[in-house]
Amino acid sequence: SPERAAPERAPRIYTRTGDSGFSSTFTGERRPKGDRIFEALGATDELSSAIGLAGEFSSEKGHTFVDQLHKVQCMLQDVGSNLATPLSSAREAHWKRTSFSEKPVLELEQWIDTYSEQLPPLRAFILPSGGRSSAALHFSRAVCRRAERCVVPLVQAGEADPNVAKYLNRLSDYLFVLARYAAMKEGKEEKIYIKPEP
């Protein structure tokens, strides 16, 4: 009937605004998609996806740290917001909305200490292994290191908050410790590096 409101249409996924090879930062600045800001954003997004996969494997095994992984994914959204707001073009209102504090870094350190105290001492180089949960967490750690390598130049150029780089640095340590913890809880063997015979 005419009185009925027309059904709302879902927004389109595609916008076509990036077809020419440029994309926008949060500040509205248009930059090439190959810009190091978008490299860092892409690596951070890939990291969140890797952690999501690790979280699904870990959830299947009933690990209690899955909620922490979800919180990390939420923090990575905030990391992305900071990266998408280059300080060279940010106004104060932008900066206030996307600033990144040291608090999440300190929280990661607490988590690392908690799990480290429960692990046997590390006496050899460990290869990514120890079951699906552990291997996926090791993979996430490797992606995290790449994201960190993308972010550090932005921090050094004054375009991103130093706490973002600190967070990624600490996050890779957390993922390493968590991978070992997952293997231990599942009773899986961690494979160690053995130098091949000459």
C-alpha atoms as a PDB file:
ATOM      1  CA  SER A   1       0.000   0.000   0.000  1.00  0.00           C
ATOM      2  CA  PRO A   2       1.119   3.650  -0.447  1.00  0.00           C
ATOM      3  CA  GLU A   3       1.298   4.081   3.332  1.00  0.00           C
ATOM      4  CA  ARG A   4       3.976   1.426   3.611  1.00  0.00           C
ATOM      5  CA  ALA A   5       7.542   2.666   3.632  1.00  0.00           C
ATOM      6  CA  ALA A   6       9.717   1.350   0.854  1.00  0.00           C
ATOM      7  CA  PRO A   7      12.095  -1.360   2.089  1.00  0.00           C
ATOM      8  CA  GLU A   8      15.579  -0.098   2.833  1.00  0.00           C
ATOM      9  CA  ARG A   9      18.148  -1.154   0.290  1.00  0.00           C
ATOM     10  CA  ALA A  10      21.382  -2.592   1.588  1.00  0.00           C
ATOM     11  CA  PRO A  11      24.392  -0.432   0.734  1.00  0.00           C
ATOM     12  CA  ARG A  12      26.522  -1.679  -2.132  1.00  0.00           C
ATOM     13  CA  ILE A  13      29.830  -3.297  -1.243  1.00  0.00           C
ATOM     14  CA  TYR A  14      31.586  -1.694  -4.201  1.00  0.00           C
ATOM     15  CA  THR A  15      32.031   2.066  -4.529  1.00  0.00           C
ATOM     16  CA  ARG A  16      34.224   2.326  -7.658  1.00  0.00           C
ATOM     17  CA  THR A  17      36.168   5.144  -5.974  1.00  0.00           C
ATOM     18  CA  GLY A  18      39.379   3.106  -5.996  1.00  0.00           C
ATOM     19  CA  ASP A  19      39.243   2.003  -9.618  1.00  0.00           C
ATOM     20  CA  SER A  20      41.863   4.550 -10.634  1.00  0.00           C
ATOM     21  CA  GLY A  21      44.389   3.155  -8.160  1.00  0.00           C
ATOM     22  CA  PHE A  22      43.861   5.725  -5.401  1.00  0.00           C
ATOM     23  CA  SER A  23      42.193   5.441  -2.005  1.00  0.00           C
ATOM     24  CA  SER A  24      41.337   7.824   0.822  1.00  0.00           C
ATOM     25  CA  THR A  25      42.779   8.135   4.300  1.00  0.00           C
ATOM     26  CA  PHE A  26      40.538   8.974   7.262  1.00  0.00           C
ATOM     27  CA  THR A  27      41.628  12.593   6.852  1.00  0.00           C
ATOM     28  CA  GLY A  28      40.195  12.640   3.302  1.00  0.00           C
ATOM     29  CA  GLU A  29      43.575  12.685   1.597  1.00  0.00           C
ATOM     30  CA  ARG A  30      43.770  10.695  -1.663  1.00  0.00           C
ATOM     31  CA  ARG A  31      46.886   8.548  -1.991  1.00  0.00           C
ATOM     32  CA  PRO A  32      48.000   5.804  -4.384  1.00  0.00           C
ATOM     33  CA  LYS A  33      47.017   2.329  -3.245  1.00  0.00           C
ATOM     34  CA  GLY A  34      50.697   1.414  -3.209  1.00  0.00           C
ATOM     35  CA  ASP A  35      51.371   4.067  -0.554  1.00  0.00           C
ATOM     36  CA  ARG A  36      53.059   2.707   2.551  1.00  0.00           C
ATOM     37  CA  ILE A  37      50.016   3.671   4.638  1.00  0.00           C
ATOM     38  CA  PHE A  38      47.858   1.247   2.667  1.00  0.00           C
ATOM     39  CA  GLU A  39      50.612  -1.374   2.789  1.00  0.00           C
ATOM     40  CA  ALA A  40      50.519  -1.125   6.583  1.00  0.00           C
ATOM     41  CA  LEU A  41      46.717  -1.192   6.655  1.00  0.00           C
ATOM     42  CA  GLY A  42      46.666  -4.272   4.420  1.00  0.00           C
ATOM     43  CA  ALA A  43      49.207  -6.098   6.563  1.00  0.00           C
ATOM     44  CA  THR A  44      47.224  -5.264   9.701  1.00  0.00           C
ATOM     45  CA  ASP A  45      44.016  -6.520   8.097  1.00  0.00           C
ATOM     46  CA  GLU A  46      45.773  -9.729   7.050  1.00  0.00           C
ATOM     47  CA  LEU A  47      47.021 -10.106  10.627  1.00  0.00           C
ATOM     48  CA  SER A  48      43.497  -9.818  12.011  1.00  0.00           C
ATOM     49  CA  SER A  49      42.330 -12.471   9.530  1.00  0.00           C
ATOM     50  CA  ALA A  50      45.162 -14.813  10.533  1.00  0.00           C
ATOM     51  CA  ILE A  51      44.312 -14.323  14.207  1.00  0.00           C
ATOM     52  CA  GLY A  52      40.654 -14.988  13.403  1.00  0.00           C
ATOM     53  CA  LEU A  53      41.621 -18.328  11.868  1.00  0.00           C
ATOM     54  CA  ALA A  54      43.816 -19.175  14.858  1.00  0.00           C
ATOM     55  CA  GLY A  55      40.927 -18.229  17.124  1.00  0.00           C
ATOM     56  CA  GLU A  56      38.566 -20.621  15.327  1.00  0.00           C
ATOM     57  CA  PHE A  57      41.019 -23.522  15.650  1.00  0.00           C
ATOM     58  CA  SER A  58      41.610 -22.639  19.305  1.00  0.00           C
ATOM     59  CA  SER A  59      37.880 -22.383  19.991  1.00  0.00           C
ATOM     60  CA  GLU A  60      37.385 -25.910  18.652  1.00  0.00           C
ATOM     61  CA  LYS A  61      39.867 -27.088  21.303  1.00  0.00           C
ATOM     62  CA  GLY A  62      38.145 -25.123  24.089  1.00  0.00           C
ATOM     63  CA  HIS A  63      41.046 -22.773  24.819  1.00  0.00           C
ATOM     64  CA  THR A  64      40.175 -20.034  27.301  1.00  0.00           C
ATOM     65  CA  PHE A  65      42.376 -17.446  25.562  1.00  0.00           C
ATOM     66  CA  VAL A  66      40.019 -17.139  22.571  1.00  0.00           C
ATOM     67  CA  ASP A  67      38.395 -14.062  24.135  1.00  0.00           C
ATOM     68  CA  GLN A  68      41.830 -12.433  24.283  1.00  0.00           C
ATOM     69  CA  LEU A  69      42.309 -13.074  20.563  1.00  0.00           C
ATOM     70  CA  HIS A  70      38.962 -11.409  19.857  1.00  0.00           C
ATOM     71  CA  LYS A  71      40.041  -8.420  21.926  1.00  0.00           C
ATOM     72  CA  VAL A  72      43.291  -8.269  19.941  1.00  0.00           C
ATOM     73  CA  GLN A  73      41.309  -8.205  16.694  1.00  0.00           C
ATOM     74  CA  CYS A  74      39.307  -5.254  18.045  1.00  0.00           C
ATOM     75  CA  MET A  75      42.552  -3.490  18.991  1.00  0.00           C
ATOM     76  CA  LEU A  76      43.837  -4.050  15.457  1.00  0.00           C
ATOM     77  CA  GLN A  77      40.825  -2.096  14.196  1.00  0.00           C
ATOM     78  CA  ASP A  78      42.065   0.780  16.361  1.00  0.00           C
ATOM     79  CA  VAL A  79      45.583   0.263  15.007  1.00  0.00           C
ATOM     80  CA  GLY A  80      44.130   0.598  11.515  1.00  0.00           C
ATOM     81  CA  SER A  81      42.288   3.790  12.454  1.00  0.00           C
ATOM     82  CA  ASN A  82      45.538   5.314  13.670  1.00  0.00           C
ATOM     83  CA  LEU A  83      47.410   4.262  10.542  1.00  0.00           C
ATOM     84  CA  ALA A  84      44.648   5.635   8.317  1.00  0.00           C
ATOM     85  CA  THR A  85      45.047   9.030   9.998  1.00  0.00           C
ATOM     86  CA  PRO A  86      48.483  10.293   8.913  1.00  0.00           C
ATOM     87  CA  LEU A  87      49.551  13.017  11.303  1.00  0.00           C
ATOM     88  CA  SER A  88      50.817  15.184   8.433  1.00  0.00           C
ATOM     89  CA  SER A  89      47.228  15.790   7.284  1.00  0.00           C
ATOM     90  CA  ALA A  90      45.297  15.199  10.518  1.00  0.00           C
ATOM     91  CA  ARG A  91      43.407  17.878  12.350  1.00  0.00           C
ATOM     92  CA  GLU A  92      43.083  17.755  16.134  1.00  0.00           C
ATOM     93  CA  ALA A  93      39.599  16.212  15.874  1.00  0.00           C
ATOM     94  CA  HIS A  94      41.011  13.393  13.734  1.00  0.00           C
ATOM     95  CA  TRP A  95      43.910  12.810  16.098  1.00  0.00           C
ATOM     96  CA  LYS A  96      41.675  12.666  19.185  1.00  0.00           C
ATOM     97  CA  ARG A  97      39.427  10.030  17.594  1.00  0.00           C
ATOM     98  CA  THR A  98      42.241   7.751  16.463  1.00  0.00           C
ATOM     99  CA  SER A  99      45.011   8.167  19.076  1.00  0.00           C
ATOM    100  CA  PHE A 100      46.486   4.936  20.423  1.00  0.00           C
ATOM    101  CA  SER A 101      47.519   4.666  24.066  1.00  0.00           C
ATOM    102  CA  GLU A 102      50.125   2.505  25.799  1.00  0.00           C
ATOM    103  CA  LYS A 103      47.470   0.687  27.869  1.00  0.00           C
ATOM    104  CA  PRO A 104      46.957  -2.179  25.348  1.00  0.00           C
ATOM    105  CA  VAL A 105      50.740  -2.700  25.219  1.00  0.00           C
ATOM    106  CA  LEU A 106      50.858  -3.125  28.994  1.00  0.00           C
ATOM    107  CA  GLU A 107      47.927  -5.536  28.874  1.00  0.00           C
ATOM    108  CA  LEU A 108      49.768  -7.717  26.356  1.00  0.00           C
ATOM    109  CA  GLU A 109      52.790  -7.752  28.656  1.00  0.00           C
ATOM    110  CA  GLN A 110      50.601  -9.013  31.517  1.00  0.00           C
ATOM    111  CA  TRP A 111      49.209 -11.786  29.313  1.00  0.00           C
ATOM    112  CA  ILE A 112      52.704 -12.754  28.143  1.00  0.00           C
ATOM    113  CA  ASP A 113      53.940 -13.000  31.737  1.00  0.00           C
ATOM    114  CA  THR A 114      50.952 -15.119  32.768  1.00  0.00           C
ATOM    115  CA  TYR A 115      51.467 -17.713  30.023  1.00  0.00           C
ATOM    116  CA  SER A 116      55.277 -17.657  30.168  1.00  0.00           C
ATOM    117  CA  GLU A 117      55.220 -18.654  33.850  1.00  0.00           C
ATOM    118  CA  GLN A 118      53.369 -21.845  32.911  1.00  0.00           C
ATOM    119  CA  LEU A 119      55.668 -22.925  30.070  1.00  0.00           C
ATOM    120  CA  PRO A 120      58.768 -25.099  30.202  1.00  0.00           C
ATOM    121  CA  PRO A 121      62.033 -23.249  29.508  1.00  0.00           C
ATOM    122  CA  LEU A 122      62.925 -22.681  25.871  1.00  0.00           C
ATOM    123  CA  ARG A 123      66.134 -24.591  25.057  1.00  0.00           C
ATOM    124  CA  ALA A 124      66.033 -24.789  21.250  1.00  0.00           C
ATOM    125  CA  PHE A 125      64.636 -23.035  18.186  1.00  0.00           C
ATOM    126  CA  ILE A 126      60.997 -24.030  17.731  1.00  0.00           C
ATOM    127  CA  LEU A 127      59.495 -24.577  14.305  1.00  0.00           C
ATOM    128  CA  PRO A 128      55.857 -23.607  13.688  1.00  0.00           C
ATOM    129  CA  SER A 129      54.127 -26.785  14.855  1.00  0.00           C
ATOM    130  CA  GLY A 130      52.335 -28.199  17.897  1.00  0.00           C
ATOM    131  CA  GLY A 131      48.884 -28.814  16.424  1.00  0.00           C
ATOM    132  CA  ARG A 132      46.542 -26.636  14.363  1.00  0.00           C
ATOM    133  CA  SER A 133      45.936 -24.017  17.053  1.00  0.00           C
ATOM    134  CA  SER A 134      49.631 -23.599  17.737  1.00  0.00           C
ATOM    135  CA  ALA A 135      50.678 -23.604  14.078  1.00  0.00           C
ATOM    136  CA  ALA A 136      48.009 -21.007  13.232  1.00  0.00           C
ATOM    137  CA  LEU A 137      49.228 -18.812  16.099  1.00  0.00           C
ATOM    138  CA  HIS A 138      52.798 -19.125  14.808  1.00  0.00           C
ATOM    139  CA  PHE A 139      51.561 -18.095  11.359  1.00  0.00           C
ATOM    140  CA  SER A 140      49.816 -15.104  12.935  1.00  0.00           C
ATOM    141  CA  ARG A 141      53.092 -14.181  14.649  1.00  0.00           C
ATOM    142  CA  ALA A 142      54.909 -14.152  11.297  1.00  0.00           C
ATOM    143  CA  VAL A 143      52.219 -11.944   9.741  1.00  0.00           C
ATOM    144  CA  CYS A 144      52.458  -9.687  12.796  1.00  0.00           C
ATOM    145  CA  ARG A 145      56.189  -9.200  12.228  1.00  0.00           C
ATOM    146  CA  ARG A 146      55.504  -8.151   8.643  1.00  0.00           C
ATOM    147  CA  ALA A 147      52.829  -5.711   9.782  1.00  0.00           C
ATOM    148  CA  GLU A 148      55.327  -4.275  12.257  1.00  0.00           C
ATOM    149  CA  ARG A 149      57.917  -3.839   9.486  1.00  0.00           C
ATOM    150  CA  CYS A 150      55.317  -1.885   7.489  1.00  0.00           C
ATOM    151  CA  VAL A 151      54.370   0.302  10.455  1.00  0.00           C
ATOM    152  CA  VAL A 152      57.826   1.227  11.774  1.00  0.00           C
ATOM    153  CA  PRO A 153      58.701   3.517   8.813  1.00  0.00           C
ATOM    154  CA  LEU A 154      55.405   5.383   9.336  1.00  0.00           C
ATOM    155  CA  VAL A 155      56.234   5.903  13.004  1.00  0.00           C
ATOM    156  CA  GLN A 156      59.771   7.006  12.154  1.00  0.00           C
ATOM    157  CA  ALA A 157      58.337   9.502   9.651  1.00  0.00           C
ATOM    158  CA  GLY A 158      56.019  10.913  12.323  1.00  0.00           C
ATOM    159  CA  GLU A 159      52.875   9.692  10.540  1.00  0.00           C
ATOM    160  CA  ALA A 160      51.689   7.150  13.149  1.00  0.00           C
ATOM    161  CA  ASP A 161      51.684   6.839  16.933  1.00  0.00           C
ATOM    162  CA  PRO A 162      54.775   5.064  18.362  1.00  0.00           C
ATOM    163  CA  ASN A 163      52.470   2.986  20.572  1.00  0.00           C
ATOM    164  CA  VAL A 164      51.131   1.284  17.447  1.00  0.00           C
ATOM    165  CA  ALA A 165      54.585  -0.102  16.641  1.00  0.00           C
ATOM    166  CA  LYS A 166      55.073  -1.066  20.283  1.00  0.00           C
ATOM    167  CA  TYR A 167      51.751  -2.906  20.264  1.00  0.00           C
ATOM    168  CA  LEU A 168      52.660  -4.945  17.187  1.00  0.00           C
ATOM    169  CA  ASN A 169      56.094  -5.707  18.601  1.00  0.00           C
ATOM    170  CA  ARG A 170      54.575  -6.983  21.839  1.00  0.00           C
ATOM    171  CA  LEU A 171      51.777  -8.770  19.988  1.00  0.00           C
ATOM    172  CA  SER A 172      54.237 -10.963  18.100  1.00  0.00           C
ATOM    173  CA  ASP A 173      55.768 -11.996  21.438  1.00  0.00           C
ATOM    174  CA  TYR A 174      52.298 -12.743  22.812  1.00  0.00           C
ATOM    175  CA  LEU A 175      51.418 -14.890  19.795  1.00  0.00           C
ATOM    176  CA  PHE A 176      54.661 -16.838  20.132  1.00  0.00           C
ATOM    177  CA  VAL A 177      54.081 -17.560  23.812  1.00  0.00           C
ATOM    178  CA  LEU A 178      50.436 -18.399  23.146  1.00  0.00           C
ATOM    179  CA  ALA A 179      51.399 -20.852  20.392  1.00  0.00           C
ATOM    180  CA  ARG A 180      53.642 -22.686  22.860  1.00  0.00           C
ATOM    181  CA  TYR A 181      50.906 -22.598  25.505  1.00  0.00           C
ATOM    182  CA  ALA A 182      48.327 -24.018  23.069  1.00  0.00           C
ATOM    183  CA  ALA A 183      50.650 -26.892  22.152  1.00  0.00           C
ATOM    184  CA  MET A 184      51.269 -27.633  25.819  1.00  0.00           C
ATOM    185  CA  LYS A 185      47.556 -27.595  26.735  1.00  0.00           C
ATOM    186  CA  GLU A 186      46.718 -29.892  23.811  1.00  0.00           C
ATOM    187  CA  GLY A 187      49.581 -32.259  24.602  1.00  0.00           C
ATOM    188  CA  LYS A 188      51.111 -31.685  21.167  1.00  0.00           C
ATOM    189  CA  GLU A 189      54.816 -31.927  20.447  1.00  0.00           C
ATOM    190  CA  GLU A 190      56.653 -28.781  19.409  1.00  0.00           C
ATOM    191  CA  LYS A 191      59.075 -29.579  16.607  1.00  0.00           C
ATOM    192  CA  ILE A 192      62.557 -28.150  17.129  1.00  0.00           C
ATOM    193  CA  TYR A 193      65.208 -27.073  14.667  1.00  0.00           C
ATOM    194  CA  ILE A 194      67.766 -29.764  13.929  1.00  0.00           C
ATOM    195  CA  LYS A 195      70.773 -28.803  11.851  1.00  0.00           C
ATOM    196  CA  PRO A 196      70.914 -31.063   8.781  1.00  0.00           C
ATOM    197  CA  GLU A 197      73.878 -33.356   8.383  1.00  0.00           C
ATOM    198  CA  PRO A 198      76.487 -31.882   5.973  1.00  0.00           C
END
